[in-house]
Structures are given as structure tokens and as C-alpha cells.
Amino acid sequence: MSTTRAVWFFIVALTAIRLSMLATTDLEFDEAHYWMWSERLAPAYFSKGPAIAFVIHASTAVFGSNEFGVRFFSPLLAAGTSLLLFYFARRLFNATAGLWAVIALNATPIFNIGAFLMTIDALSIFFWLAAMFTFWLALEKSPQFSWYWPLTGLLIGLGFLSKYTNALELVSIVLVLALAPRLRQEFKRPGLYLLLGVFAVCTVPPIVWNQQHAWITLVHLRSRGSLEHGFGFHPTEVLSFLGQHFLAYSPFLFLALAWAVIASWRRVNQQFKVLFLMWFGLPVFLFYLLLSLNKAAAPNWDGLAFLGFGLLAIYFWWEKLEAGVTLRLGAIVAILVGLTMSVVALDTDLLRAAGYQLDRSDPSDRMRGWKSASRALEKMRIDLESKLGEKLFLIADARDRASEISFYLRDKRVEGPGHPPVYIPESQDMVNQFSFWPRYDEFVELKPGTPRPEGETYTEENGINPFVGRDALFIRSGEKNHVPHSIRAAFQSTEPVGTIEVQRHGKVLRTWQVFLCRNYRTLPL
């Protein structure tokens, strides 16, 4: 079997396995929130571009709003990324190096989790690598013009619509052209400017949306980087940032990669491949390393850097691996450790089956207990409605809970076009995407000739609030027996009516407190 066929067989088999696993866990709360976006398509959203929403909308249109439907494209994007990596590595080095690059990629825990959960990272990494490949092909044809230039701009633009960090790929491109003397002539040719022009077109939807919504994404990103209170120097945060990579990328694989990148620096101005791969990794990594001086960034935030770094590591280690049996055995051990960590990360019950009890919180709990808790809440609502003789609307204390409950409710019962099935407490602050969807504290226009509802005591010009006088259920996490001020002030009374508790392996997985809120009257002015 040829190496290329072996790679295809490996990727197809792995993708089939991943597809078979998609419905084995509940949605993680980011997935549930992105699903809510997909039900309400827009040019952009509070924190991200629109790509993730449109992709999930496409898959759920075919497979339905279930775990498989939401996650369908994640294994396919992982397969596409793996194939791109193979063909790029084959072009840079040889087919065997490409094979090992694919195996190493699919052995890293963070990539395997990304090949299961449907988040923005799957799209972001695919488009970053695709743009890096087409840019290389454009340079191969230089000084002749090729359509790889605008195609690269389009791919970076699509990456930007997935994750705004993908725009840093433009920095990589400019640096490669500026630092390689033979390529500086590209600044005088149309290819680069056509690339930038196509990218600029892709930025229009989120720019227009943000212009209409007080540039909220910029405010959010500033907060995301913990810069709202200024920038400080915290060395332990940097150590935390680097340390997390040992777990996310597997200790031995990350160590080998870091060694290769540091050791390759002395060749960065001697070999073009080293320069190219180095500068497709450093801008993103240095950006998040700088942010981590203030507050440690999550290890997936700089994942884009590790595509270039990974290929650079293959280039650095390849001849050494061919020459040394010990290094080859070490590489196999590193890959096996990464695969083991990946399997455990996706199914921690394997540790329990082996007799190991988790003392700390199980990270995979993020994907468990949501459906059963939501169904218990739905039954509680039905029972209360039967007792009270009226319909109750739902308010959850946080975005994550509201999104999960919205997804898992059998009867979603939206109150009107665009309304979410579950609201979050009213607030004048724009805290997440819920702030831009219809809310229970909003006043709607009263059509001419329509009589005002009885008991309506406050109106805004010609508007009414259709929720006034209604009852709701408020759901909060934990065991605290109180509700926030915004809920207490907006309703005539609040009282606890039940607790929902989900247990797994004898441990409490999730606890929700449910309160009946009577007679909504809006917040006092």
C-alpha cells in the first residue's frame, strides 16, 4: 500500500469512528450556545463571527437539532485538516514525513477533543492551514501571478469569520515576504493586494454588525484578555499558560515540538522552509504569551501557531529519527502517550474501569447531565402549570445553563419570533448574545386599534410588555437558596419550589435550585 493510500485509509477510518461517537454525550455548553446562534442567523455575534452558526445551521437542517446534527462537521473538518497537513508536508518534505505528521496531529489530546466538539477551533484551524498551503503554492509560482493569491485571501477571510485571531495570518504573510529577500518584490506585484482585498470583503459582515451594536465585540475581547483593569506582569500566569500546553498537547509531543522550534531559530535566516514555518507560528504564540503576562490564556487560543510549529518539528526531527533507533522508539512512545491521553480525555470512564477514582472534578462533566436535568425541569414546569392553571416562562441564571436547557427542552415554547426558549435575568449591561435577542423585559409596540391589556400600569409611549402579570421559573446553579436582586425586584414574590440533582458514580454532577416567581411587573425605574 502506498503512503498516500495509507494516510487516506487512516483518516477515513478515524473519521468513521469519530462520527459514531458524536451522540454519546450531551452537548458542551459552548456547543449549545452556538446551536442557539444557528437558530438565529446573523452577520456576526457578541463574541465571534457567523461561520460557526451557519455551519451548525447546515448540519442540523439535514440531521436535526440533536448531538449528531450539531457536531457533524467537526470530524469532517478534522479529516480535512489532516489531509491538508499530509499534502503540505509531502510537498515540503516527503510522503512518509507527511504520514507521521498526520499521526502526531491525531495523537494530541486537544486536536482529538476538537474533532469531537463542534466549536470555532475546528473551523479556524482548517482555514488557517488551508491558507498557509495556498500561500506556499502562490509563492512557488512567483513571479508569475496565480489565483492562489485571492484564494489565500478568501481562506483567511473565512477563518476570520470563524475566529478573529485568524487575521494574524496576514501578519505571518507580510513577515515572510519582508524577511525573505527574494520575495520582497511581491510588495510591488498585484497578488498580495488582491489577497488583502478579498480578505477585506470578508470582514464587512462583522464590522457592519458591530457598528450597529456599539462595537460590543471589541469590548468583549478586551475583557477576554483581562485588560479591562489595565495590564500587569504576573510570571506565574505565564508558567500556567505554558504548563497547560503539556497536558493539552501531550507532554512528550509538546516537549519535542518546543525543542524543535527553539533549536530551529538559528536556521531561520538560512533555510526558507524554516523561516516560512517559524513565522506562521510565532505571531499567534507571541500574542497570547504577551497576554499571559497579565492573565494566562487557554491552551486552545494559540492552537493556530502549532500547525506551523508542528511542521517545523517534523523538519527538525526527521533526519534524526531516520538515523537513530532510540529516537524512533521515543517518538512511538510519545505518540502512544498522546493517544492514551486523548482517549481518556474523551471518555474518563476508562479510568474508572481501570480502578482509578478521580479525586478532582471530571473535565468531561461539561458534557454530562444536561439532558436529564433539563428534562426534570420540564416535568417540574408541567406539574406546576397544571397546579396553577397558567403557562410559565423560564429564566436561568447564566448563559451556559440557559443554552443547555433551551437545547434539551422537548417543548421549546418560544414566546415570539427570535425569542430564546430560556431567558437570562434582565440587565442594562450587554453581557452575551442573549442581550441582543428579544427579552422578557422589553416593551413591544402596540398596534393601532389594539386595546391595552387590563392591569397594565406602565407603558413606554405606544408599547406594552406582554410578560407583565405572568409567572416564571428561575433556575440557578448550586445550593444557594436566594435569587438575584434583578429577579426579586421585578416579581411580586419568589419562592423555592424544588431542587434538581443529577448524580453520577455516587457523586453529585449537577445541582439546580428552582424558584417560582409570581406576577412579573418589570424592574422599577
Protein backbone atom coordinates (compact mmCIF):
# COMPACT_ATOMS: atom_id res chain seq x y z
CA MET A 1 0.00 0.00 0.00
CA SER A 2 1.38 3.42 -0.93
CA THR A 3 1.91 6.01 1.81
CA THR A 4 -0.83 8.25 0.37
CA ARG A 5 -3.35 5.39 0.39
CA ALA A 6 -2.33 4.53 3.95
CA VAL A 7 -3.00 8.13 5.03
CA TRP A 8 -6.40 8.15 3.36
CA PHE A 9 -7.31 4.82 4.94
CA PHE A 10 -6.19 6.05 8.37
CA ILE A 11 -8.15 9.32 8.12
CA VAL A 12 -11.33 7.71 6.72
CA ALA A 13 -11.32 5.01 9.43
CA LEU A 14 -10.67 7.56 12.18
CA THR A 15 -13.42 9.85 10.86
CA ALA A 16 -15.91 6.95 10.85
CA ILE A 17 -15.04 6.22 14.49
CA ARG A 18 -15.44 9.87 15.43
CA LEU A 19 -18.80 10.14 13.67
CA SER A 20 -20.04 7.08 15.56
CA MET A 21 -19.20 8.78 18.89
CA LEU A 22 -20.92 12.12 18.33
CA ALA A 23 -24.20 11.24 20.04
CA THR A 24 -22.62 9.51 23.06
CA THR A 25 -22.51 12.61 25.29
CA ASP A 26 -24.57 15.72 25.92
CA LEU A 27 -23.55 18.96 24.24
CA GLU A 28 -20.91 21.03 26.00
CA PHE A 29 -22.34 24.45 26.85
CA ASP A 30 -20.44 26.34 24.12
CA GLU A 31 -21.91 23.92 21.58
CA ALA A 32 -25.40 24.52 22.94
CA HIS A 33 -24.88 28.27 22.76
CA TYR A 34 -23.60 28.07 19.16
CA TRP A 35 -26.66 25.98 18.33
CA MET A 36 -28.79 28.86 19.59
CA TRP A 37 -26.88 31.15 17.24
CA SER A 38 -27.59 28.76 14.36
CA GLU A 39 -31.31 29.10 15.07
CA ARG A 40 -30.99 32.91 14.81
CA LEU A 41 -28.60 33.58 11.90
CA ALA A 42 -26.87 36.97 11.86
CA PRO A 43 -23.84 38.66 10.17
CA ALA A 44 -21.93 38.36 13.47
CA TYR A 45 -22.46 37.69 17.15
CA PHE A 46 -21.44 39.09 20.53
CA SER A 47 -18.02 37.40 20.61
CA LYS A 48 -17.49 35.65 17.25
CA GLY A 49 -18.08 35.79 13.54
CA PRO A 50 -21.01 33.99 11.90
CA ALA A 51 -19.27 30.92 10.43
CA ILE A 52 -19.96 28.53 13.31
CA ALA A 53 -23.67 29.41 13.28
CA PHE A 54 -24.04 28.84 9.53
CA VAL A 55 -22.17 25.52 9.67
CA ILE A 56 -24.32 24.17 12.51
CA HIS A 57 -27.45 25.50 10.77
CA ALA A 58 -26.49 23.49 7.67
CA SER A 59 -25.85 20.24 9.53
CA THR A 60 -28.93 20.44 11.77
CA ALA A 61 -31.07 21.20 8.72
CA VAL A 62 -30.09 17.73 7.44
CA PHE A 63 -29.72 15.68 10.64
CA GLY A 64 -31.95 17.57 13.05
CA SER A 65 -31.26 19.51 16.25
CA ASN A 66 -29.54 16.69 18.12
CA GLU A 67 -25.98 16.00 19.23
CA PHE A 68 -25.05 14.32 15.95
CA GLY A 69 -26.54 17.14 13.91
CA VAL A 70 -24.73 19.86 15.86
CA ARG A 71 -21.36 18.06 15.78
CA PHE A 72 -21.49 16.54 12.30
CA PHE A 73 -18.93 18.81 10.67
CA SER A 74 -16.34 18.57 13.46
CA PRO A 75 -14.92 15.15 12.45
CA LEU A 76 -15.10 16.17 8.78
CA LEU A 77 -13.11 19.35 9.45
CA ALA A 78 -10.58 17.29 11.43
CA ALA A 79 -10.29 14.95 8.43
CA GLY A 80 -9.84 17.91 6.09
CA THR A 81 -7.16 19.41 8.34
CA SER A 82 -5.35 16.05 8.46
CA LEU A 83 -5.40 15.70 4.67
CA LEU A 84 -4.18 19.26 4.18
CA LEU A 85 -1.36 18.62 6.63
CA PHE A 86 -0.35 15.44 4.80
CA TYR A 87 -0.28 17.02 1.33
CA PHE A 88 1.50 20.12 2.60
CA ALA A 89 4.12 18.04 4.46
CA ARG A 90 4.53 15.83 1.39
CA ARG A 91 5.17 18.90 -0.72
CA LEU A 92 7.62 20.36 1.80
CA PHE A 93 9.42 17.11 2.70
CA ASN A 94 8.16 13.68 1.59
CA ALA A 95 5.14 11.39 1.93
CA THR A 96 6.49 9.46 4.91
CA ALA A 97 7.07 12.69 6.85
CA GLY A 98 3.50 13.65 5.95
CA LEU A 99 2.21 10.36 7.34
CA TRP A 100 3.94 10.88 10.68
CA ALA A 101 2.76 14.49 10.81
CA VAL A 102 -0.84 13.26 10.48
CA ILE A 103 -0.35 10.58 13.12
CA ALA A 104 1.22 13.07 15.56
CA LEU A 105 -1.59 15.59 14.94
CA ASN A 106 -4.26 12.99 15.62
CA ALA A 107 -2.47 11.83 18.76
CA THR A 108 -2.66 15.22 20.50
CA PRO A 109 -5.49 15.45 23.07
CA ILE A 110 -6.51 18.99 22.13
CA PHE A 111 -6.99 18.05 18.47
CA ASN A 112 -9.00 14.95 19.35
CA ILE A 113 -11.31 16.95 21.58
CA GLY A 114 -11.65 19.50 18.76
CA ALA A 115 -12.52 16.67 16.36
CA PHE A 116 -15.44 15.74 18.62
CA LEU A 117 -16.88 19.02 19.92
CA MET A 118 -18.25 21.49 17.37
CA THR A 119 -16.55 24.76 18.29
CA ILE A 120 -14.94 27.61 16.37
CA ASP A 121 -11.49 26.00 16.68
CA ALA A 122 -12.29 23.22 14.18
CA LEU A 123 -13.14 25.82 11.52
CA SER A 124 -10.35 28.20 12.49
CA ILE A 125 -7.58 25.57 12.27
CA PHE A 126 -8.85 24.17 8.96
CA PHE A 127 -8.92 27.57 7.25
CA TRP A 128 -5.56 28.63 8.74
CA LEU A 129 -3.80 25.54 7.39
CA ALA A 130 -5.58 25.78 4.03
CA ALA A 131 -4.47 29.42 3.65
CA MET A 132 -0.91 28.56 4.66
CA PHE A 133 -0.82 25.84 1.99
CA THR A 134 -2.26 28.01 -0.79
CA PHE A 135 0.12 30.85 0.11
CA TRP A 136 3.03 28.42 -0.30
CA LEU A 137 1.65 27.40 -3.70
CA ALA A 138 1.33 31.07 -4.69
CA LEU A 139 4.99 31.61 -3.78
CA GLU A 140 6.02 28.56 -5.80
CA LYS A 141 4.54 30.15 -8.92
CA SER A 142 6.08 33.56 -8.25
CA PRO A 143 6.90 35.81 -10.06
CA GLN A 144 4.01 34.63 -12.21
CA PHE A 145 0.56 35.61 -10.98
CA SER A 146 -1.69 32.77 -9.79
CA TRP A 147 -5.21 32.54 -8.42
CA TYR A 148 -3.72 31.12 -5.23
CA TRP A 149 -3.28 34.75 -4.07
CA PRO A 150 -7.00 35.66 -3.93
CA LEU A 151 -7.81 32.11 -2.77
CA THR A 152 -5.48 32.63 0.18
CA GLY A 153 -7.26 35.89 0.99
CA LEU A 154 -10.62 34.12 0.87
CA LEU A 155 -9.43 31.32 3.16
CA ILE A 156 -8.04 33.81 5.69
CA GLY A 157 -11.33 35.71 5.47
CA LEU A 158 -13.36 32.57 6.13
CA GLY A 159 -11.04 31.82 9.04
CA PHE A 160 -11.62 35.35 10.34
CA LEU A 161 -15.39 34.80 10.16
CA SER A 162 -14.78 31.72 12.33
CA LYS A 163 -12.29 33.18 14.81
CA TYR A 164 -10.97 36.73 14.68
CA THR A 165 -7.45 35.54 15.60
CA ASN A 166 -7.13 34.15 12.06
CA ALA A 167 -6.45 37.71 10.89
CA LEU A 168 -2.95 37.31 12.38
CA GLU A 169 -2.18 35.12 9.36
CA LEU A 170 -1.84 38.37 7.40
CA VAL A 171 0.98 39.32 9.77
CA SER A 172 2.67 35.99 9.03
CA ILE A 173 2.38 36.58 5.28
CA VAL A 174 3.80 40.09 5.43
CA LEU A 175 6.69 38.93 7.63
CA VAL A 176 7.57 36.04 5.31
CA LEU A 177 7.59 38.37 2.29
CA ALA A 178 9.60 41.02 4.12
CA LEU A 179 12.17 38.70 5.69
CA ALA A 180 12.91 36.62 2.58
CA PRO A 181 14.94 38.93 0.27
CA ARG A 182 13.90 37.16 -2.95
CA LEU A 183 10.21 37.68 -2.10
CA ARG A 184 10.27 41.40 -1.38
CA GLN A 185 9.34 42.09 -4.98
CA GLU A 186 5.88 40.74 -4.14
CA PHE A 187 5.11 44.07 -2.48
CA LYS A 188 5.25 45.58 -5.98
CA ARG A 189 3.01 42.95 -7.58
CA PRO A 190 -0.79 42.70 -7.55
CA GLY A 191 -1.07 39.26 -5.89
CA LEU A 192 -0.63 40.45 -2.30
CA TYR A 193 -3.07 43.34 -2.73
CA LEU A 194 -5.68 41.10 -4.33
CA LEU A 195 -5.27 38.79 -1.31
CA LEU A 196 -5.81 41.73 1.07
CA GLY A 197 -8.79 42.95 -0.93
CA VAL A 198 -10.58 39.60 -0.84
CA PHE A 199 -9.90 39.36 2.89
CA ALA A 200 -11.26 42.88 3.42
CA VAL A 201 -14.55 41.91 1.76
CA CYS A 202 -14.92 39.04 4.27
CA THR A 203 -14.59 41.47 7.18
CA VAL A 204 -17.62 43.53 6.13
CA PRO A 205 -20.39 41.46 7.87
CA PRO A 206 -18.90 41.56 11.41
CA ILE A 207 -17.80 45.18 11.01
CA VAL A 208 -21.29 46.29 9.95
CA TRP A 209 -22.91 44.26 12.75
CA ASN A 210 -20.55 45.71 15.36
CA GLN A 211 -21.10 49.23 14.06
CA GLN A 212 -24.80 48.65 14.67
CA HIS A 213 -24.20 47.16 18.14
CA ALA A 214 -21.85 49.60 19.86
CA TRP A 215 -18.68 47.69 18.85
CA ILE A 216 -19.50 45.19 21.56
CA THR A 217 -17.05 42.56 20.26
CA LEU A 218 -14.10 44.88 20.91
CA VAL A 219 -15.33 45.43 24.46
CA HIS A 220 -15.71 41.67 24.92
CA LEU A 221 -12.26 40.85 23.51
CA ARG A 222 -10.71 43.41 25.84
CA SER A 223 -12.45 41.73 28.75
CA ARG A 224 -11.50 38.27 27.41
CA GLY A 225 -7.85 39.26 27.59
CA SER A 226 -8.41 40.56 31.16
CA LEU A 227 -7.33 44.04 30.04
CA GLU A 228 -10.34 45.98 31.34
CA HIS A 229 -8.43 46.84 34.54
CA GLY A 230 -5.08 47.51 32.87
CA PHE A 231 -2.08 45.32 32.10
CA GLY A 232 0.11 43.79 34.81
CA PHE A 233 3.11 41.48 34.97
CA HIS A 234 2.34 38.12 36.59
CA PRO A 235 5.09 35.49 35.98
CA THR A 236 3.01 32.66 37.46
CA GLU A 237 0.35 33.28 34.79
CA VAL A 238 2.98 32.73 32.07
CA LEU A 239 4.07 29.49 33.74
CA SER A 240 0.42 28.42 33.92
CA PHE A 241 -0.03 29.21 30.22
CA LEU A 242 3.00 27.11 29.22
CA GLY A 243 2.20 24.34 31.69
CA GLN A 244 -1.29 23.84 30.32
CA HIS A 245 0.22 23.06 26.92
CA PHE A 246 1.94 19.96 28.31
CA LEU A 247 -1.47 18.48 29.06
CA ALA A 248 -3.32 19.83 26.03
CA TYR A 249 -0.69 18.68 23.51
CA SER A 250 0.67 15.66 25.47
CA PRO A 251 3.90 16.12 27.47
CA PHE A 252 6.39 14.36 25.19
CA LEU A 253 4.93 15.70 21.94
CA PHE A 254 4.91 19.26 23.29
CA LEU A 255 8.45 18.92 24.62
CA ALA A 256 9.69 17.63 21.26
CA LEU A 257 7.89 20.44 19.47
CA ALA A 258 9.22 23.16 21.79
CA TRP A 259 12.77 21.78 21.47
CA ALA A 260 12.49 21.77 17.67
CA VAL A 261 11.18 25.34 17.48
CA ILE A 262 13.88 26.74 19.79
CA ALA A 263 16.66 24.80 18.07
CA SER A 264 15.46 25.84 14.59
CA TRP A 265 15.73 29.56 15.36
CA ARG A 266 19.42 29.67 14.38
CA ARG A 267 18.46 28.43 10.88
CA VAL A 268 15.58 30.82 10.38
CA ASN A 269 17.60 33.08 8.02
CA GLN A 270 19.41 30.21 6.33
CA GLN A 271 16.58 27.99 5.09
CA PHE A 272 13.39 29.36 3.62
CA LYS A 273 11.23 26.46 4.86
CA VAL A 274 12.31 27.20 8.42
CA LEU A 275 11.61 30.91 8.00
CA PHE A 276 8.18 30.20 6.47
CA LEU A 277 7.03 27.75 9.14
CA MET A 278 8.52 29.74 12.01
CA TRP A 279 6.67 32.92 11.09
CA PHE A 280 3.39 31.10 10.60
CA GLY A 281 3.64 30.11 14.25
CA LEU A 282 5.36 32.89 16.18
CA PRO A 283 2.92 35.82 15.75
CA VAL A 284 -0.02 33.94 17.29
CA PHE A 285 2.09 32.32 20.01
CA LEU A 286 3.81 35.58 20.99
CA PHE A 287 0.48 37.43 21.01
CA TYR A 288 -1.01 35.04 23.58
CA LEU A 289 2.27 34.76 25.50
CA LEU A 290 2.16 38.55 25.89
CA LEU A 291 -1.46 38.43 27.07
CA SER A 292 -0.45 35.70 29.52
CA LEU A 293 1.91 38.11 31.28
CA ASN A 294 -1.33 39.56 32.63
CA LYS A 295 -3.66 36.54 32.69
CA ALA A 296 -2.95 33.03 31.39
CA ALA A 297 -4.56 32.32 28.03
CA ALA A 298 -6.27 28.98 27.44
CA PRO A 299 -4.13 26.45 25.51
CA ASN A 300 -6.57 26.31 22.59
CA TRP A 301 -6.34 30.07 21.99
CA ASP A 302 -2.90 29.79 20.35
CA GLY A 303 -3.63 26.46 18.64
CA LEU A 304 -3.14 28.07 15.22
CA ALA A 305 0.57 28.51 15.97
CA PHE A 306 1.11 24.79 16.35
CA LEU A 307 0.36 23.98 12.71
CA GLY A 308 3.48 25.81 11.56
CA PHE A 309 5.42 24.72 14.65
CA GLY A 310 4.36 21.10 14.11
CA LEU A 311 5.66 21.05 10.54
CA LEU A 312 8.82 22.76 11.74
CA ALA A 313 9.25 19.98 14.33
CA ILE A 314 8.86 17.33 11.61
CA TYR A 315 11.55 19.11 9.58
CA PHE A 316 13.87 19.32 12.58
CA TRP A 317 13.47 15.75 13.82
CA TRP A 318 13.09 13.87 10.53
CA GLU A 319 16.73 13.12 9.70
CA LYS A 320 17.48 12.41 13.36
CA LEU A 321 14.62 9.92 13.55
CA GLU A 322 15.79 8.13 10.40
CA ALA A 323 19.30 7.83 11.81
CA GLY A 324 18.53 6.81 15.41
CA VAL A 325 16.58 3.77 16.64
CA THR A 326 16.33 5.22 20.15
CA LEU A 327 14.69 8.41 18.88
CA ARG A 328 12.23 6.39 16.81
CA LEU A 329 11.22 4.40 19.89
CA GLY A 330 10.89 7.67 21.80
CA ALA A 331 8.64 9.08 19.06
CA ILE A 332 6.42 5.98 19.21
CA VAL A 333 6.17 6.27 23.00
CA ALA A 334 5.29 9.98 22.71
CA ILE A 335 2.52 9.20 20.20
CA LEU A 336 1.16 6.34 22.34
CA VAL A 337 1.09 8.59 25.42
CA GLY A 338 -0.75 11.25 23.41
CA LEU A 339 -3.28 8.72 22.11
CA THR A 340 -3.86 7.37 25.62
CA MET A 341 -4.42 10.87 26.97
CA SER A 342 -6.78 11.61 24.07
CA VAL A 343 -8.89 8.51 24.68
CA VAL A 344 -9.11 9.24 28.41
CA ALA A 345 -9.98 12.91 27.74
CA LEU A 346 -12.91 11.79 25.60
CA ASP A 347 -14.07 9.07 27.99
CA THR A 348 -12.86 9.34 31.59
CA ASP A 349 -14.91 6.26 32.48
CA LEU A 350 -11.97 4.25 31.14
CA LEU A 351 -10.00 5.38 34.20
CA ARG A 352 -12.79 4.19 36.47
CA ALA A 353 -12.91 0.86 34.64
CA ALA A 354 -9.20 0.51 35.37
CA GLY A 355 -9.88 1.09 39.09
CA TYR A 356 -8.70 4.71 39.28
CA GLN A 357 -11.02 7.13 41.05
CA LEU A 358 -10.97 10.80 40.09
CA ASP A 359 -10.39 12.92 43.18
CA ARG A 360 -10.76 16.19 41.32
CA SER A 361 -13.69 17.30 39.19
CA ASP A 362 -14.04 15.33 36.00
CA PRO A 363 -13.41 17.64 32.98
CA SER A 364 -15.80 15.59 30.86
CA ASP A 365 -18.64 16.53 33.24
CA ARG A 366 -19.06 19.56 30.99
CA MET A 367 -20.72 17.12 28.55
CA ARG A 368 -22.89 15.22 31.03
CA GLY A 369 -26.11 15.65 32.97
CA TRP A 370 -27.59 18.49 30.95
CA LYS A 371 -30.28 16.44 29.23
CA SER A 372 -31.52 14.67 32.37
CA ALA A 373 -31.53 17.91 34.39
CA SER A 374 -33.41 19.77 31.65
CA ARG A 375 -35.99 17.00 31.31
CA ALA A 376 -36.53 17.04 35.10
CA LEU A 377 -37.03 20.80 34.93
CA GLU A 378 -39.52 20.41 32.10
CA LYS A 379 -41.55 17.90 34.15
CA MET A 380 -41.47 20.27 37.12
CA ARG A 381 -42.78 23.09 34.91
CA ILE A 382 -45.61 20.93 33.54
CA ASP A 383 -46.66 19.86 37.04
CA LEU A 384 -46.66 23.45 38.33
CA GLU A 385 -48.58 24.69 35.29
CA SER A 386 -51.23 22.04 35.87
CA LYS A 387 -51.50 23.14 39.50
CA LEU A 388 -51.50 26.91 38.80
CA GLY A 389 -53.56 26.80 35.62
CA GLU A 390 -51.20 29.05 33.65
CA LYS A 391 -48.11 28.88 31.46
CA LEU A 392 -44.70 29.68 32.97
CA PHE A 393 -41.75 31.18 31.13
CA LEU A 394 -38.18 30.24 32.09
CA ILE A 395 -35.22 32.33 33.29
CA ALA A 396 -31.79 30.80 34.02
CA ASP A 397 -29.02 32.45 35.98
CA ALA A 398 -26.31 32.19 33.29
CA ARG A 399 -25.77 31.85 29.55
CA ASP A 400 -24.46 28.28 29.83
CA ARG A 401 -27.47 26.93 31.70
CA ALA A 402 -29.94 28.87 29.56
CA SER A 403 -28.35 27.47 26.38
CA GLU A 404 -28.31 23.85 27.56
CA ILE A 405 -31.91 23.98 28.82
CA SER A 406 -33.00 25.63 25.56
CA PHE A 407 -31.44 22.81 23.56
CA TYR A 408 -32.79 19.93 25.64
CA LEU A 409 -36.36 21.11 26.23
CA ARG A 410 -38.77 18.91 24.29
CA ASP A 411 -41.33 21.72 24.10
CA LYS A 412 -39.27 24.85 23.49
CA ARG A 413 -42.30 27.14 23.57
CA VAL A 414 -40.71 30.34 22.30
CA GLU A 415 -42.73 33.44 23.16
CA GLY A 416 -42.28 35.09 19.78
CA PRO A 417 -40.05 35.33 16.68
CA GLY A 418 -36.38 35.27 17.68
CA HIS A 419 -37.10 34.70 21.37
CA PRO A 420 -34.93 32.12 23.18
CA PRO A 421 -36.75 29.27 24.96
CA VAL A 422 -34.99 30.32 28.18
CA TYR A 423 -34.05 33.88 29.18
CA ILE A 424 -31.30 35.23 31.42
CA PRO A 425 -32.00 37.90 34.10
CA GLU A 426 -32.67 41.34 32.71
CA SER A 427 -29.73 43.74 32.76
CA GLN A 428 -28.77 47.03 31.19
CA ASP A 429 -25.31 45.59 30.50
CA MET A 430 -24.64 43.73 27.25
CA VAL A 431 -23.20 40.55 28.73
CA ASN A 432 -23.52 37.99 25.90
CA GLN A 433 -25.61 37.18 22.83
CA PHE A 434 -28.79 36.91 24.91
CA SER A 435 -28.58 40.69 25.31
CA PHE A 436 -29.34 41.09 21.60
CA TRP A 437 -32.24 38.69 21.33
CA PRO A 438 -35.82 39.57 22.38
CA ARG A 439 -36.06 39.72 26.19
CA TYR A 440 -38.83 39.44 28.70
CA ASP A 441 -38.17 42.98 29.99
CA GLU A 442 -38.68 44.62 26.59
CA PHE A 443 -41.67 46.66 25.53
CA VAL A 444 -43.23 45.90 22.17
CA GLU A 445 -45.20 48.29 20.02
CA LEU A 446 -48.95 48.21 20.44
CA LYS A 447 -50.63 48.16 17.05
CA PRO A 448 -53.16 50.97 16.42
CA GLY A 449 -56.66 49.98 17.47
CA THR A 450 -55.48 47.17 19.76
CA PRO A 451 -56.86 47.54 23.31
CA ARG A 452 -54.38 47.71 26.15
CA PRO A 453 -54.26 44.69 28.46
CA GLU A 454 -56.10 45.12 31.76
CA GLY A 455 -53.87 45.92 34.69
CA GLU A 456 -51.12 47.44 32.52
CA THR A 457 -49.73 50.14 34.79
CA TYR A 458 -46.63 51.25 32.88
CA THR A 459 -46.07 51.72 29.19
CA GLU A 460 -43.40 53.26 27.02
CA GLU A 461 -45.10 55.54 24.50
CA ASN A 462 -47.20 53.13 22.44
CA GLY A 463 -45.62 49.94 23.80
CA ILE A 464 -46.60 47.23 26.24
CA ASN A 465 -44.74 44.45 27.98
CA PRO A 466 -46.59 41.17 27.28
CA PHE A 467 -44.91 39.45 30.25
CA VAL A 468 -46.42 41.78 32.88
CA GLY A 469 -48.57 39.84 35.33
CA ARG A 470 -47.13 36.47 34.32
CA ASP A 471 -45.27 33.93 36.45
CA ALA A 472 -41.89 32.37 35.71
CA LEU A 473 -39.48 29.74 36.92
CA PHE A 474 -35.98 30.91 37.79
CA ILE A 475 -33.20 28.28 37.67
CA ARG A 476 -29.85 28.75 39.32
CA SER A 477 -26.87 26.50 39.95
CA GLY A 478 -25.68 25.40 43.37
CA GLU A 479 -27.35 25.17 46.73
CA LYS A 480 -27.83 28.87 47.49
CA ASN A 481 -31.43 29.49 48.44
CA HIS A 482 -31.82 33.00 47.07
CA VAL A 483 -32.35 34.81 43.77
CA PRO A 484 -30.53 37.88 42.42
CA HIS A 485 -31.83 41.38 43.05
CA SER A 486 -33.00 41.85 39.44
CA ILE A 487 -35.37 38.90 39.84
CA ARG A 488 -36.61 39.82 43.33
CA ALA A 489 -37.29 43.43 42.29
CA ALA A 490 -39.08 42.51 39.05
CA PHE A 491 -41.53 40.00 40.54
CA GLN A 492 -44.05 40.40 43.34
CA SER A 493 -42.71 37.32 45.13
CA THR A 494 -40.23 34.47 44.74
CA GLU A 495 -40.25 31.12 46.50
CA PRO A 496 -38.19 27.92 46.16
CA VAL A 497 -40.23 25.09 44.64
CA GLY A 498 -37.70 22.34 44.08
CA THR A 499 -34.16 21.11 43.64
CA ILE A 500 -32.87 19.16 40.67
CA GLU A 501 -29.86 16.99 41.38
CA VAL A 502 -28.00 14.79 38.90
CA GLN A 503 -25.63 12.18 40.29
CA ARG A 504 -23.04 10.04 38.54
CA HIS A 505 -20.87 7.34 40.09
CA GLY A 506 -22.15 8.32 43.52
CA LYS A 507 -21.09 11.96 43.16
CA VAL A 508 -23.29 15.00 42.58
CA LEU A 509 -22.76 16.11 39.00
CA ARG A 510 -25.20 18.99 38.82
CA THR A 511 -27.48 20.78 41.29
CA TRP A 512 -30.11 23.31 40.24
CA GLN A 513 -32.37 25.32 42.53
CA VAL A 514 -35.76 26.23 41.03
CA PHE A 515 -37.82 29.21 42.20
CA LEU A 516 -41.38 30.18 41.34
CA CYS A 517 -41.52 33.91 40.58
CA ARG A 518 -45.04 35.37 40.78
CA ASN A 519 -46.55 38.35 38.97
CA TYR A 520 -43.87 39.97 36.79
CA ARG A 521 -44.12 43.76 36.98
CA THR A 522 -40.82 44.90 35.35
CA LEU A 523 -37.94 46.47 37.22
CA PRO A 524 -38.80 49.75 38.97
CA LEU A 525 -37.27 52.84 37.36
